[in-house]
């Protein structure tokens, strides 16, 4: 398993409609990629967004990172949407899970 965490803040006055369209298109493309497992996005009250994508392997995640449409969207992110961002990548994460089952 490979996990990508993307933390970002948008630029003041960014085009929210264009960002939403790009985001929707990237989600559809990512889900169609070999090795895609899941995607979640969270927003904080102070304007910071966190996205977490899970992949079957590092190779699958890196292939998605090189997808031509994704590369173009990344460029628009840097030029048009993001004030700042940080990416964390983790291969073979240590995973712990708790699930309270009331039966």
C-alpha atoms as a PDB file:
ATOM      1  CA  UNK A   1       0.000   0.000   0.000  1.00  0.00           C
ATOM      2  CA  UNK A   2       1.099   3.566  -0.717  1.00  0.00           C
ATOM      3  CA  UNK A   3      -0.445   6.676   0.820  1.00  0.00           C
ATOM      4  CA  UNK A   4      -0.274  10.265  -0.416  1.00  0.00           C
ATOM      5  CA  UNK A   5      -1.294  13.138   1.863  1.00  0.00           C
ATOM      6  CA  UNK A   6      -1.718  16.538   0.182  1.00  0.00           C
ATOM      7  CA  UNK A   7      -2.195  19.583   2.428  1.00  0.00           C
ATOM      8  CA  UNK A   8      -2.979  22.898   0.773  1.00  0.00           C
ATOM      9  CA  UNK A   9      -4.251  26.446   1.100  1.00  0.00           C
ATOM     10  CA  UNK A  10      -5.905  28.230  -1.810  1.00  0.00           C
ATOM     11  CA  UNK A  11      -4.803  31.622  -3.125  1.00  0.00           C
ATOM     12  CA  UNK A  12      -6.984  34.598  -2.250  1.00  0.00           C
ATOM     13  CA  UNK A  13      -9.449  35.166  -5.087  1.00  0.00           C
ATOM     14  CA  UNK A  14      -8.809  31.837  -6.839  1.00  0.00           C
ATOM     15  CA  UNK A  15     -11.434  30.685  -9.355  1.00  0.00           C
ATOM     16  CA  UNK A  16     -13.429  28.239  -7.213  1.00  0.00           C
ATOM     17  CA  UNK A  17     -15.594  27.054 -10.137  1.00  0.00           C
ATOM     18  CA  UNK A  18     -12.551  26.167 -12.265  1.00  0.00           C
ATOM     19  CA  UNK A  19     -10.925  24.453  -9.294  1.00  0.00           C
ATOM     20  CA  UNK A  20     -14.076  22.409  -8.657  1.00  0.00           C
ATOM     21  CA  UNK A  21     -14.224  21.361 -12.326  1.00  0.00           C
ATOM     22  CA  UNK A  22     -10.556  20.336 -12.292  1.00  0.00           C
ATOM     23  CA  UNK A  23     -11.031  18.497  -9.011  1.00  0.00           C
ATOM     24  CA  UNK A  24     -14.043  16.584 -10.320  1.00  0.00           C
ATOM     25  CA  UNK A  25     -12.204  15.586 -13.500  1.00  0.00           C
ATOM     26  CA  UNK A  26      -9.099  14.482 -11.570  1.00  0.00           C
ATOM     27  CA  UNK A  27     -11.239  12.392  -9.217  1.00  0.00           C
ATOM     28  CA  UNK A  28     -12.867  10.580 -12.147  1.00  0.00           C
ATOM     29  CA  UNK A  29      -9.476   9.973 -13.772  1.00  0.00           C
ATOM     30  CA  UNK A  30      -7.799   8.825 -10.554  1.00  0.00           C
ATOM     31  CA  UNK A  31     -10.554   6.310  -9.812  1.00  0.00           C
ATOM     32  CA  UNK A  32     -10.005   4.790 -13.267  1.00  0.00           C
ATOM     33  CA  UNK A  33      -6.254   4.327 -12.738  1.00  0.00           C
ATOM     34  CA  UNK A  34      -4.822   0.867 -12.070  1.00  0.00           C
ATOM     35  CA  UNK A  35      -4.003   0.535  -8.386  1.00  0.00           C
ATOM     36  CA  UNK A  36      -6.351   3.249  -7.104  1.00  0.00           C
ATOM     37  CA  UNK A  37      -7.831   2.298  -3.703  1.00  0.00           C
ATOM     38  CA  UNK A  38      -9.497   5.368  -2.191  1.00  0.00           C
ATOM     39  CA  UNK A  39      -9.578   9.146  -1.825  1.00  0.00           C
ATOM     40  CA  UNK A  40     -10.779  11.378   1.008  1.00  0.00           C
ATOM     41  CA  UNK A  41     -10.761  15.151   1.411  1.00  0.00           C
ATOM     42  CA  UNK A  42     -11.147  17.182   4.588  1.00  0.00           C
ATOM     43  CA  UNK A  43     -11.384  20.931   5.118  1.00  0.00           C
ATOM     44  CA  UNK A  44     -10.536  22.789   8.286  1.00  0.00           C
ATOM     45  CA  UNK A  45     -12.183  25.959   9.494  1.00  0.00           C
ATOM     46  CA  UNK A  46      -9.038  27.985   8.851  1.00  0.00           C
ATOM     47  CA  UNK A  47      -8.938  27.289   5.094  1.00  0.00           C
ATOM     48  CA  UNK A  48      -6.543  24.370   5.042  1.00  0.00           C
ATOM     49  CA  UNK A  49      -7.569  21.305   3.009  1.00  0.00           C
ATOM     50  CA  UNK A  50      -6.179  17.794   3.432  1.00  0.00           C
ATOM     51  CA  UNK A  51      -6.518  15.086   0.767  1.00  0.00           C
ATOM     52  CA  UNK A  52      -5.531  11.469   1.342  1.00  0.00           C
ATOM     53  CA  UNK A  53      -5.219   9.025  -1.529  1.00  0.00           C
ATOM     54  CA  UNK A  54      -4.460   5.339  -1.124  1.00  0.00           C
ATOM     55  CA  UNK A  55      -2.852   3.215  -3.838  1.00  0.00           C
ATOM     56  CA  UNK A  56      -2.024  -0.467  -4.123  1.00  0.00           C
ATOM     57  CA  UNK A  57       1.639   0.377  -4.758  1.00  0.00           C
ATOM     58  CA  UNK A  58       4.115   3.202  -5.075  1.00  0.00           C
ATOM     59  CA  UNK A  59       4.388   2.458  -8.806  1.00  0.00           C
ATOM     60  CA  UNK A  60       0.624   2.963  -9.220  1.00  0.00           C
ATOM     61  CA  UNK A  61       0.726   6.274  -7.336  1.00  0.00           C
ATOM     62  CA  UNK A  62       3.710   7.517  -9.326  1.00  0.00           C
ATOM     63  CA  UNK A  63       2.023   6.545 -12.612  1.00  0.00           C
ATOM     64  CA  UNK A  64      -0.963   8.674 -11.575  1.00  0.00           C
ATOM     65  CA  UNK A  65       1.413  11.530 -10.787  1.00  0.00           C
ATOM     66  CA  UNK A  66       2.729  11.323 -14.370  1.00  0.00           C
ATOM     67  CA  UNK A  67      -0.678  11.127 -16.074  1.00  0.00           C
ATOM     68  CA  UNK A  68      -0.736  13.929 -18.724  1.00  0.00           C
ATOM     69  CA  UNK A  69      -4.046  15.455 -17.581  1.00  0.00           C
ATOM     70  CA  UNK A  70      -2.963  15.250 -13.952  1.00  0.00           C
ATOM     71  CA  UNK A  71       0.335  16.964 -14.796  1.00  0.00           C
ATOM     72  CA  UNK A  72      -1.593  19.782 -16.494  1.00  0.00           C
ATOM     73  CA  UNK A  73      -3.900  20.135 -13.476  1.00  0.00           C
ATOM     74  CA  UNK A  74      -0.872  20.237 -11.163  1.00  0.00           C
ATOM     75  CA  UNK A  75       0.495  23.118 -13.221  1.00  0.00           C
ATOM     76  CA  UNK A  76      -2.803  24.998 -12.936  1.00  0.00           C
ATOM     77  CA  UNK A  77      -2.730  24.329  -9.204  1.00  0.00           C
ATOM     78  CA  UNK A  78       0.643  26.024  -8.860  1.00  0.00           C
ATOM     79  CA  UNK A  79      -0.189  28.926 -11.169  1.00  0.00           C
ATOM     80  CA  UNK A  80      -3.870  29.544 -10.384  1.00  0.00           C
ATOM     81  CA  UNK A  81      -5.183  27.824  -7.248  1.00  0.00           C
ATOM     82  CA  UNK A  82      -2.701  27.207  -4.446  1.00  0.00           C
ATOM     83  CA  UNK A  83      -1.080  29.650  -2.073  1.00  0.00           C
ATOM     84  CA  UNK A  84       0.916  26.783  -0.593  1.00  0.00           C
ATOM     85  CA  UNK A  85       0.954  23.011  -0.368  1.00  0.00           C
ATOM     86  CA  UNK A  86       2.869  20.151   1.199  1.00  0.00           C
ATOM     87  CA  UNK A  87       2.845  16.538   0.051  1.00  0.00           C
ATOM     88  CA  UNK A  88       3.654  13.526   2.229  1.00  0.00           C
ATOM     89  CA  UNK A  89       4.211  10.102   0.643  1.00  0.00           C
ATOM     90  CA  UNK A  90       4.431   6.854   2.540  1.00  0.00           C
ATOM     91  CA  UNK A  91       5.227   3.419   1.196  1.00  0.00           C
ATOM     92  CA  UNK A  92       4.350   0.441   3.387  1.00  0.00           C
ATOM     93  CA  UNK A  93       2.749   2.439   6.215  1.00  0.00           C
ATOM     94  CA  UNK A  94       2.325   0.926   9.633  1.00  0.00           C
ATOM     95  CA  UNK A  95      -1.429   0.467   9.942  1.00  0.00           C
ATOM     96  CA  UNK A  96      -3.449   0.088  13.131  1.00  0.00           C
ATOM     97  CA  UNK A  97      -7.212  -0.289  13.185  1.00  0.00           C
ATOM     98  CA  UNK A  98      -9.861  -0.239  15.897  1.00  0.00           C
ATOM     99  CA  UNK A  99     -13.542  -0.964  15.301  1.00  0.00           C
ATOM    100  CA  UNK A 100     -16.003  -1.137  18.167  1.00  0.00           C
ATOM    101  CA  UNK A 101     -18.686  -3.615  17.218  1.00  0.00           C
ATOM    102  CA  UNK A 102     -21.693  -3.472  19.486  1.00  0.00           C
ATOM    103  CA  UNK A 103     -23.556  -6.743  19.004  1.00  0.00           C
END
